[in-house]
Amino acid sequence: MKNIFFGVLVVFFAFLSCRTGDDELQSIDQILNIYMKNESGRDLFNNRKDSTYFTYSLNDIDGGADIAPVNSSLRATADSTLFIEYIAGARRIGIDTLNPDNKIYQSRIAVSLIKRVNNTVLDTIQDELRIEYRMTPSVFEVSKVYYNDTLRFTKQPGSPNVVTIVK
């Protein structure tokens, strides 16, 4: 008798969990590629091109601790140009969340650029990266990127999230 009761209960919950398929899926587009170049267009992370290059670290300004490192990775294109790939990790703060169909969030990240000459630290530069996200019922995406309070990227539909910073 117990087995029949549990069998009917399992079938009942399986029936309740079935969906009609009318639900729209939300697209997530939050990968950000950040290129750093000098005025002449040279990749600042590539140490093969001359003796001066930069290393970097990212720290979440709004994180739960004073030191809240943000995960990222240094990637290379086919022509060996290096860029920072940031996927997620910094805390997102709601700046306009009243409209349920168009919410805006932001993440603030401290960027430390360490200038090296022949593997010797020459200088450390502290900058700020601010990423704004837009969330609608159909999409969650990077919408704007500011570097030191200067707008560097605005999302265009269908285009990748690529930011080039000239230092």
N, C-alpha and C. Protein backbone atom coordinates (compact mmCIF):
# COMPACT_ATOMS: atom_id res chain seq x y z
N MET A 1 0.82 -1.18 0.00
CA MET A 1 0.00 0.00 0.00
C MET A 1 0.88 1.27 0.00
N LYS A 2 1.97 1.22 0.79
CA LYS A 2 2.88 2.36 0.81
C LYS A 2 3.47 2.60 -0.56
N ASN A 3 3.87 1.53 -1.23
CA ASN A 3 4.49 1.66 -2.56
C ASN A 3 3.53 2.28 -3.56
N ILE A 4 2.28 1.93 -3.51
CA ILE A 4 1.28 2.49 -4.43
C ILE A 4 1.10 3.98 -4.14
N PHE A 5 1.04 4.35 -2.85
CA PHE A 5 0.87 5.75 -2.46
C PHE A 5 2.07 6.57 -2.96
N PHE A 6 3.30 6.09 -2.72
CA PHE A 6 4.49 6.83 -3.16
C PHE A 6 4.59 6.86 -4.68
N GLY A 7 4.18 5.81 -5.35
CA GLY A 7 4.17 5.79 -6.80
C GLY A 7 3.23 6.83 -7.38
N VAL A 8 2.02 6.91 -6.80
CA VAL A 8 1.05 7.91 -7.24
C VAL A 8 1.58 9.31 -6.94
N LEU A 9 2.23 9.49 -5.79
CA LEU A 9 2.79 10.79 -5.41
C LEU A 9 3.89 11.21 -6.39
N VAL A 10 4.76 10.30 -6.78
CA VAL A 10 5.83 10.60 -7.74
C VAL A 10 5.22 10.99 -9.10
N VAL A 11 4.25 10.26 -9.56
CA VAL A 11 3.61 10.57 -10.84
C VAL A 11 2.92 11.93 -10.77
N PHE A 12 2.29 12.24 -9.64
CA PHE A 12 1.62 13.52 -9.46
C PHE A 12 2.62 14.68 -9.54
N PHE A 13 3.76 14.56 -8.83
CA PHE A 13 4.76 15.62 -8.87
C PHE A 13 5.43 15.71 -10.24
N ALA A 14 5.61 14.60 -10.91
CA ALA A 14 6.15 14.63 -12.27
C ALA A 14 5.20 15.37 -13.19
N PHE A 15 3.92 15.15 -13.03
CA PHE A 15 2.91 15.83 -13.83
C PHE A 15 2.94 17.34 -13.56
N LEU A 16 3.09 17.74 -12.29
CA LEU A 16 3.13 19.16 -11.94
C LEU A 16 4.38 19.85 -12.48
N SER A 17 5.47 19.11 -12.58
CA SER A 17 6.72 19.73 -13.02
C SER A 17 6.79 19.91 -14.53
N CYS A 18 5.90 19.31 -15.28
CA CYS A 18 5.91 19.48 -16.73
C CYS A 18 5.49 20.89 -17.09
N ARG A 19 6.21 21.46 -18.05
CA ARG A 19 5.88 22.81 -18.50
C ARG A 19 5.41 22.75 -19.93
N THR A 20 4.73 23.80 -20.32
CA THR A 20 4.20 23.85 -21.67
C THR A 20 5.25 24.28 -22.69
N GLY A 21 6.35 24.87 -22.24
CA GLY A 21 7.39 25.31 -23.17
C GLY A 21 7.16 26.72 -23.67
N ASP A 22 6.19 27.42 -23.12
CA ASP A 22 5.91 28.78 -23.55
C ASP A 22 6.84 29.80 -22.90
N ASP A 23 7.62 29.38 -21.90
CA ASP A 23 8.50 30.30 -21.20
C ASP A 23 9.65 30.72 -22.11
N GLU A 24 9.93 32.02 -22.13
CA GLU A 24 11.01 32.55 -22.94
C GLU A 24 12.31 32.45 -22.15
N LEU A 25 13.38 32.01 -22.79
CA LEU A 25 14.68 31.92 -22.14
C LEU A 25 15.36 33.27 -22.16
N GLN A 26 16.10 33.57 -21.10
CA GLN A 26 16.82 34.82 -21.01
C GLN A 26 18.23 34.62 -21.55
N SER A 27 18.64 35.44 -22.49
CA SER A 27 19.98 35.39 -23.06
C SER A 27 20.94 36.12 -22.12
N ILE A 28 22.10 35.53 -21.87
CA ILE A 28 23.10 36.14 -20.98
C ILE A 28 24.34 36.46 -21.80
N ASP A 29 24.72 37.74 -21.81
CA ASP A 29 25.87 38.22 -22.58
C ASP A 29 26.71 39.10 -21.67
N GLN A 30 27.62 38.48 -20.91
CA GLN A 30 28.37 39.25 -19.93
C GLN A 30 29.88 39.10 -20.04
N ILE A 31 30.38 38.42 -21.08
CA ILE A 31 31.83 38.29 -21.26
C ILE A 31 32.36 39.59 -21.84
N LEU A 32 33.39 40.14 -21.20
CA LEU A 32 33.97 41.41 -21.61
C LEU A 32 35.45 41.19 -21.93
N ASN A 33 35.86 41.60 -23.14
CA ASN A 33 37.26 41.52 -23.55
C ASN A 33 37.86 42.92 -23.51
N ILE A 34 38.94 43.08 -22.74
CA ILE A 34 39.55 44.39 -22.53
C ILE A 34 40.96 44.38 -23.12
N TYR A 35 41.18 45.22 -24.12
CA TYR A 35 42.48 45.38 -24.74
C TYR A 35 43.12 46.64 -24.18
N MET A 36 44.41 46.59 -23.89
CA MET A 36 45.16 47.76 -23.41
C MET A 36 46.29 48.02 -24.40
N LYS A 37 46.30 49.24 -24.94
CA LYS A 37 47.31 49.60 -25.93
C LYS A 37 47.88 50.97 -25.59
N ASN A 38 49.08 51.27 -26.12
CA ASN A 38 49.61 52.61 -25.97
C ASN A 38 49.16 53.46 -27.16
N GLU A 39 49.61 54.72 -27.21
CA GLU A 39 49.16 55.64 -28.26
C GLU A 39 49.52 55.16 -29.66
N SER A 40 50.60 54.41 -29.79
CA SER A 40 51.01 53.93 -31.11
C SER A 40 50.35 52.60 -31.47
N GLY A 41 49.48 52.08 -30.58
CA GLY A 41 48.75 50.86 -30.89
C GLY A 41 49.42 49.58 -30.41
N ARG A 42 50.54 49.68 -29.69
CA ARG A 42 51.24 48.49 -29.21
C ARG A 42 50.52 47.87 -28.03
N ASP A 43 50.41 46.55 -28.04
CA ASP A 43 49.80 45.78 -26.96
C ASP A 43 50.64 45.95 -25.69
N LEU A 44 50.04 46.44 -24.61
CA LEU A 44 50.81 46.70 -23.39
C LEU A 44 51.11 45.46 -22.57
N PHE A 45 50.45 44.33 -22.84
CA PHE A 45 50.69 43.12 -22.06
C PHE A 45 51.73 42.20 -22.69
N ASN A 46 52.09 42.44 -23.94
CA ASN A 46 53.00 41.55 -24.64
C ASN A 46 54.44 41.96 -24.38
N ASN A 47 55.20 41.13 -23.68
CA ASN A 47 56.59 41.46 -23.35
C ASN A 47 57.57 41.04 -24.45
N ARG A 48 57.07 40.49 -25.54
CA ARG A 48 57.96 40.07 -26.62
C ARG A 48 58.27 41.21 -27.58
N LYS A 49 57.45 42.25 -27.56
CA LYS A 49 57.63 43.32 -28.55
C LYS A 49 58.71 44.33 -28.15
N ASP A 50 58.88 44.59 -26.88
CA ASP A 50 60.02 45.38 -26.39
C ASP A 50 60.19 45.09 -24.91
N SER A 51 61.04 45.81 -24.25
CA SER A 51 61.35 45.49 -22.86
C SER A 51 60.32 46.01 -21.86
N THR A 52 59.39 46.89 -22.29
CA THR A 52 58.38 47.45 -21.40
C THR A 52 57.06 46.72 -21.59
N TYR A 53 56.47 46.23 -20.49
CA TYR A 53 55.16 45.60 -20.55
C TYR A 53 54.48 45.77 -19.21
N PHE A 54 53.21 45.42 -19.16
CA PHE A 54 52.41 45.59 -17.96
C PHE A 54 51.87 44.25 -17.50
N THR A 55 51.72 44.10 -16.21
CA THR A 55 50.91 43.02 -15.64
C THR A 55 49.75 43.72 -14.95
N TYR A 56 48.74 42.97 -14.56
CA TYR A 56 47.54 43.60 -14.02
C TYR A 56 46.96 42.77 -12.89
N SER A 57 46.11 43.42 -12.10
CA SER A 57 45.27 42.72 -11.13
C SER A 57 43.95 43.48 -11.06
N LEU A 58 42.87 42.75 -10.75
CA LEU A 58 41.53 43.32 -10.64
C LEU A 58 41.01 43.07 -9.24
N ASN A 59 40.43 44.10 -8.62
CA ASN A 59 39.90 44.00 -7.26
C ASN A 59 38.51 44.63 -7.22
N ASP A 60 37.56 43.90 -6.65
CA ASP A 60 36.17 44.36 -6.55
C ASP A 60 36.07 45.48 -5.52
N ILE A 61 35.71 46.68 -5.96
CA ILE A 61 35.59 47.84 -5.05
C ILE A 61 34.42 47.65 -4.09
N ASP A 62 33.32 47.09 -4.57
CA ASP A 62 32.13 46.90 -3.74
C ASP A 62 32.08 45.51 -3.11
N GLY A 63 33.18 44.81 -3.11
CA GLY A 63 33.23 43.45 -2.58
C GLY A 63 33.04 43.41 -1.08
N GLY A 64 32.90 42.20 -0.56
CA GLY A 64 32.64 42.01 0.85
C GLY A 64 33.84 42.25 1.75
N ALA A 65 35.03 42.41 1.17
CA ALA A 65 36.25 42.64 1.96
C ALA A 65 37.07 43.72 1.27
N ASP A 66 38.07 44.22 2.00
CA ASP A 66 38.94 45.24 1.41
C ASP A 66 39.69 44.70 0.20
N ILE A 67 40.11 43.46 0.30
CA ILE A 67 40.79 42.82 -0.83
C ILE A 67 39.87 41.73 -1.34
N ALA A 68 39.25 42.00 -2.48
CA ALA A 68 38.31 41.05 -3.09
C ALA A 68 38.71 40.86 -4.55
N PRO A 69 39.69 39.99 -4.80
CA PRO A 69 40.16 39.80 -6.17
C PRO A 69 39.05 39.33 -7.11
N VAL A 70 39.12 39.79 -8.33
CA VAL A 70 38.15 39.42 -9.35
C VAL A 70 38.84 38.48 -10.33
N ASN A 71 38.17 37.38 -10.65
CA ASN A 71 38.73 36.42 -11.60
C ASN A 71 38.71 36.96 -13.01
N SER A 72 39.80 36.76 -13.70
CA SER A 72 39.92 37.11 -15.11
C SER A 72 41.05 36.27 -15.67
N SER A 73 41.20 36.32 -16.97
CA SER A 73 42.32 35.59 -17.57
C SER A 73 42.88 36.41 -18.72
N LEU A 74 44.15 36.22 -18.97
CA LEU A 74 44.82 36.88 -20.08
C LEU A 74 44.76 35.93 -21.27
N ARG A 75 44.13 36.35 -22.32
CA ARG A 75 43.94 35.53 -23.53
C ARG A 75 44.69 36.18 -24.69
N ALA A 76 44.85 35.42 -25.75
CA ALA A 76 45.53 35.94 -26.93
C ALA A 76 44.69 35.70 -28.18
N THR A 77 44.76 36.67 -29.10
CA THR A 77 44.11 36.50 -30.39
C THR A 77 45.05 35.71 -31.31
N ALA A 78 44.61 35.45 -32.52
CA ALA A 78 45.42 34.69 -33.47
C ALA A 78 46.74 35.39 -33.79
N ASP A 79 46.76 36.74 -33.73
CA ASP A 79 48.01 37.47 -34.02
C ASP A 79 48.80 37.77 -32.75
N SER A 80 48.53 37.06 -31.66
CA SER A 80 49.24 37.16 -30.38
C SER A 80 49.00 38.46 -29.63
N THR A 81 47.93 39.17 -29.94
CA THR A 81 47.55 40.33 -29.16
C THR A 81 46.88 39.83 -27.88
N LEU A 82 47.36 40.30 -26.74
CA LEU A 82 46.83 39.84 -25.46
C LEU A 82 45.71 40.76 -24.98
N PHE A 83 44.72 40.18 -24.31
CA PHE A 83 43.61 40.94 -23.75
C PHE A 83 43.13 40.27 -22.48
N ILE A 84 42.47 41.05 -21.63
CA ILE A 84 41.88 40.53 -20.39
C ILE A 84 40.48 40.05 -20.71
N GLU A 85 40.18 38.81 -20.35
CA GLU A 85 38.83 38.29 -20.50
C GLU A 85 38.19 38.26 -19.11
N TYR A 86 37.18 39.11 -18.94
CA TYR A 86 36.44 39.17 -17.68
C TYR A 86 35.06 38.59 -17.93
N ILE A 87 34.70 37.58 -17.14
CA ILE A 87 33.39 36.95 -17.33
C ILE A 87 32.42 37.43 -16.25
N ALA A 88 32.78 37.31 -15.02
CA ALA A 88 31.94 37.74 -13.90
C ALA A 88 32.76 37.59 -12.63
N GLY A 89 32.24 38.05 -11.55
CA GLY A 89 32.93 37.89 -10.28
C GLY A 89 32.82 39.10 -9.38
N ALA A 90 32.70 40.28 -9.96
CA ALA A 90 32.54 41.47 -9.14
C ALA A 90 31.08 41.61 -8.72
N ARG A 91 30.87 42.12 -7.55
CA ARG A 91 29.52 42.31 -7.04
C ARG A 91 28.76 43.32 -7.89
N ARG A 92 27.51 43.00 -8.18
CA ARG A 92 26.66 43.89 -8.96
C ARG A 92 25.71 44.62 -8.02
N ILE A 93 25.71 45.93 -8.11
CA ILE A 93 24.87 46.78 -7.28
C ILE A 93 23.76 47.34 -8.17
N GLY A 94 22.52 47.26 -7.71
CA GLY A 94 21.40 47.80 -8.47
C GLY A 94 21.40 49.31 -8.42
N ILE A 95 21.37 49.96 -9.59
CA ILE A 95 21.30 51.42 -9.61
C ILE A 95 19.96 51.91 -10.14
N ASP A 96 19.24 51.05 -10.84
CA ASP A 96 17.88 51.37 -11.27
C ASP A 96 17.14 50.05 -11.40
N THR A 97 16.47 49.67 -10.32
CA THR A 97 15.81 48.36 -10.30
C THR A 97 14.31 48.47 -10.13
N LEU A 98 13.74 49.66 -10.30
CA LEU A 98 12.31 49.84 -10.09
C LEU A 98 11.47 49.24 -11.22
N ASN A 99 11.94 49.37 -12.44
CA ASN A 99 11.20 48.83 -13.58
C ASN A 99 11.57 47.36 -13.76
N PRO A 100 10.66 46.44 -13.53
CA PRO A 100 11.01 45.01 -13.64
C PRO A 100 11.36 44.57 -15.06
N ASP A 101 11.02 45.38 -16.05
CA ASP A 101 11.33 45.02 -17.44
C ASP A 101 12.62 45.64 -17.95
N ASN A 102 13.30 46.45 -17.14
CA ASN A 102 14.56 47.07 -17.55
C ASN A 102 15.33 47.50 -16.31
N LYS A 103 16.09 46.58 -15.75
CA LYS A 103 16.88 46.87 -14.54
C LYS A 103 18.32 47.15 -14.93
N ILE A 104 18.96 48.07 -14.20
CA ILE A 104 20.36 48.44 -14.45
C ILE A 104 21.17 48.12 -13.19
N TYR A 105 22.29 47.41 -13.39
CA TYR A 105 23.22 47.08 -12.31
C TYR A 105 24.60 47.57 -12.71
N GLN A 106 25.48 47.72 -11.72
CA GLN A 106 26.85 48.10 -12.03
C GLN A 106 27.83 47.35 -11.13
N SER A 107 29.01 47.13 -11.66
CA SER A 107 30.13 46.58 -10.92
C SER A 107 31.28 47.57 -11.04
N ARG A 108 31.98 47.80 -9.94
CA ARG A 108 33.14 48.69 -9.96
C ARG A 108 34.38 47.86 -9.61
N ILE A 109 35.38 47.97 -10.45
CA ILE A 109 36.59 47.16 -10.31
C ILE A 109 37.81 48.07 -10.31
N ALA A 110 38.68 47.91 -9.31
CA ALA A 110 39.95 48.62 -9.27
C ALA A 110 40.94 47.85 -10.14
N VAL A 111 41.54 48.55 -11.10
CA VAL A 111 42.51 47.93 -12.00
C VAL A 111 43.88 48.43 -11.62
N SER A 112 44.77 47.51 -11.27
CA SER A 112 46.16 47.86 -10.98
C SER A 112 47.01 47.41 -12.15
N LEU A 113 47.65 48.37 -12.80
CA LEU A 113 48.56 48.07 -13.90
C LEU A 113 49.98 48.27 -13.39
N ILE A 114 50.75 47.22 -13.47
CA ILE A 114 52.13 47.26 -12.96
C ILE A 114 53.06 47.30 -14.17
N LYS A 115 53.75 48.44 -14.32
CA LYS A 115 54.65 48.63 -15.45
C LYS A 115 55.99 48.00 -15.12
N ARG A 116 56.47 47.16 -16.04
CA ARG A 116 57.74 46.47 -15.85
C ARG A 116 58.68 46.80 -17.01
N VAL A 117 59.95 46.95 -16.69
CA VAL A 117 61.00 47.09 -17.68
C VAL A 117 62.02 46.01 -17.38
N ASN A 118 62.20 45.08 -18.32
CA ASN A 118 63.12 43.95 -18.13
C ASN A 118 62.84 43.23 -16.81
N ASN A 119 61.57 42.94 -16.52
CA ASN A 119 61.10 42.23 -15.33
C ASN A 119 61.32 42.99 -14.02
N THR A 120 61.62 44.27 -14.07
CA THR A 120 61.76 45.10 -12.87
C THR A 120 60.56 46.03 -12.80
N VAL A 121 59.91 46.08 -11.62
CA VAL A 121 58.74 46.95 -11.45
C VAL A 121 59.20 48.40 -11.50
N LEU A 122 58.57 49.14 -12.40
CA LEU A 122 58.92 50.55 -12.58
C LEU A 122 57.85 51.46 -11.99
N ASP A 123 56.58 51.09 -12.15
CA ASP A 123 55.49 51.96 -11.71
C ASP A 123 54.21 51.13 -11.56
N THR A 124 53.31 51.56 -10.67
CA THR A 124 52.00 50.94 -10.53
C THR A 124 50.94 52.02 -10.74
N ILE A 125 50.01 51.73 -11.64
CA ILE A 125 48.95 52.67 -11.98
C ILE A 125 47.64 52.11 -11.43
N GLN A 126 46.86 52.94 -10.72
CA GLN A 126 45.57 52.53 -10.18
C GLN A 126 44.46 53.21 -10.98
N ASP A 127 43.62 52.42 -11.61
CA ASP A 127 42.50 52.93 -12.40
C ASP A 127 41.21 52.27 -11.94
N GLU A 128 40.08 52.76 -12.47
CA GLU A 128 38.78 52.17 -12.12
C GLU A 128 38.01 51.80 -13.38
N LEU A 129 37.47 50.59 -13.37
CA LEU A 129 36.63 50.08 -14.43
C LEU A 129 35.22 49.95 -13.86
N ARG A 130 34.25 50.56 -14.54
CA ARG A 130 32.85 50.45 -14.12
C ARG A 130 32.06 49.82 -15.25
N ILE A 131 31.41 48.72 -14.93
CA ILE A 131 30.63 47.98 -15.93
C ILE A 131 29.16 48.11 -15.57
N GLU A 132 28.34 48.56 -16.51
CA GLU A 132 26.90 48.62 -16.31
C GLU A 132 26.25 47.47 -17.07
N TYR A 133 25.31 46.83 -16.40
CA TYR A 133 24.57 45.70 -16.98
C TYR A 133 23.11 46.10 -17.12
N ARG A 134 22.47 45.57 -18.15
CA ARG A 134 21.04 45.78 -18.36
C ARG A 134 20.36 44.43 -18.31
N MET A 135 19.27 44.37 -17.53
CA MET A 135 18.53 43.12 -17.43
C MET A 135 17.08 43.37 -17.79
N THR A 136 16.62 42.65 -18.80
CA THR A 136 15.22 42.65 -19.20
C THR A 136 14.74 41.20 -19.10
N PRO A 137 13.46 40.95 -19.30
CA PRO A 137 13.02 39.55 -19.27
C PRO A 137 13.70 38.67 -20.32
N SER A 138 14.19 39.26 -21.41
CA SER A 138 14.78 38.46 -22.47
C SER A 138 16.31 38.47 -22.50
N VAL A 139 16.98 39.43 -21.82
CA VAL A 139 18.44 39.52 -21.92
C VAL A 139 19.05 40.08 -20.63
N PHE A 140 20.22 39.56 -20.29
CA PHE A 140 21.09 40.15 -19.27
C PHE A 140 22.41 40.38 -19.98
N GLU A 141 22.82 41.66 -20.11
CA GLU A 141 24.00 41.96 -20.90
C GLU A 141 24.78 43.14 -20.37
N VAL A 142 26.05 43.20 -20.77
CA VAL A 142 26.87 44.38 -20.52
C VAL A 142 26.29 45.48 -21.40
N SER A 143 25.99 46.64 -20.81
CA SER A 143 25.42 47.71 -21.63
C SER A 143 26.40 48.86 -21.84
N LYS A 144 27.18 49.21 -20.82
CA LYS A 144 28.16 50.30 -20.94
C LYS A 144 29.38 49.96 -20.09
N VAL A 145 30.52 50.47 -20.53
CA VAL A 145 31.76 50.29 -19.77
C VAL A 145 32.44 51.66 -19.69
N TYR A 146 32.79 52.05 -18.47
CA TYR A 146 33.50 53.29 -18.21
C TYR A 146 34.88 52.94 -17.67
N TYR A 147 35.89 53.66 -18.13
CA TYR A 147 37.24 53.49 -17.60
C TYR A 147 37.69 54.85 -17.10
N ASN A 148 37.93 54.96 -15.81
CA ASN A 148 38.24 56.25 -15.17
C ASN A 148 37.18 57.30 -15.50
N ASP A 149 35.91 56.90 -15.37
CA ASP A 149 34.74 57.76 -15.59
C ASP A 149 34.58 58.26 -17.03
N THR A 150 35.28 57.64 -17.97
CA THR A 150 35.12 57.98 -19.38
C THR A 150 34.44 56.80 -20.07
N LEU A 151 33.34 57.08 -20.77
CA LEU A 151 32.62 56.03 -21.48
C LEU A 151 33.51 55.45 -22.58
N ARG A 152 33.74 54.13 -22.52
CA ARG A 152 34.60 53.47 -23.50
C ARG A 152 33.86 52.46 -24.36
N PHE A 153 32.65 52.07 -23.96
CA PHE A 153 31.92 51.04 -24.70
C PHE A 153 30.43 51.21 -24.46
N THR A 154 29.65 51.11 -25.52
CA THR A 154 28.20 51.06 -25.45
C THR A 154 27.76 49.87 -26.28
N LYS A 155 26.93 49.03 -25.72
CA LYS A 155 26.51 47.80 -26.38
C LYS A 155 25.72 48.08 -27.65
N GLN A 156 26.12 47.41 -28.72
CA GLN A 156 25.38 47.43 -29.98
C GLN A 156 24.82 46.02 -30.16
N PRO A 157 23.54 45.87 -30.49
CA PRO A 157 22.95 44.53 -30.62
C PRO A 157 23.74 43.64 -31.58
N GLY A 158 24.03 42.44 -31.10
CA GLY A 158 24.72 41.46 -31.92
C GLY A 158 26.22 41.57 -31.97
N SER A 159 26.78 42.61 -31.38
CA SER A 159 28.24 42.78 -31.43
C SER A 159 28.87 42.27 -30.13
N PRO A 160 30.14 41.83 -30.19
CA PRO A 160 30.81 41.35 -28.98
C PRO A 160 31.15 42.51 -28.05
N ASN A 161 31.41 42.19 -26.80
CA ASN A 161 31.74 43.19 -25.79
C ASN A 161 33.26 43.37 -25.75
N VAL A 162 33.76 44.27 -26.59
CA VAL A 162 35.19 44.51 -26.72
C VAL A 162 35.47 45.96 -26.38
N VAL A 163 36.38 46.16 -25.42
CA VAL A 163 36.77 47.51 -24.99
C VAL A 163 38.26 47.66 -25.25
N THR A 164 38.65 48.76 -25.87
CA THR A 164 40.07 49.05 -26.08
C THR A 164 40.41 50.30 -25.28
N ILE A 165 41.36 50.15 -24.38
CA ILE A 165 41.82 51.26 -23.54
C ILE A 165 43.17 51.71 -24.07
N VAL A 166 43.31 52.99 -24.35
CA VAL A 166 44.59 53.55 -24.79
C VAL A 166 45.20 54.27 -23.61
N LYS A 167 46.39 53.83 -23.23
CA LYS A 167 47.10 54.40 -22.06
C LYS A 167 48.31 55.15 -22.53
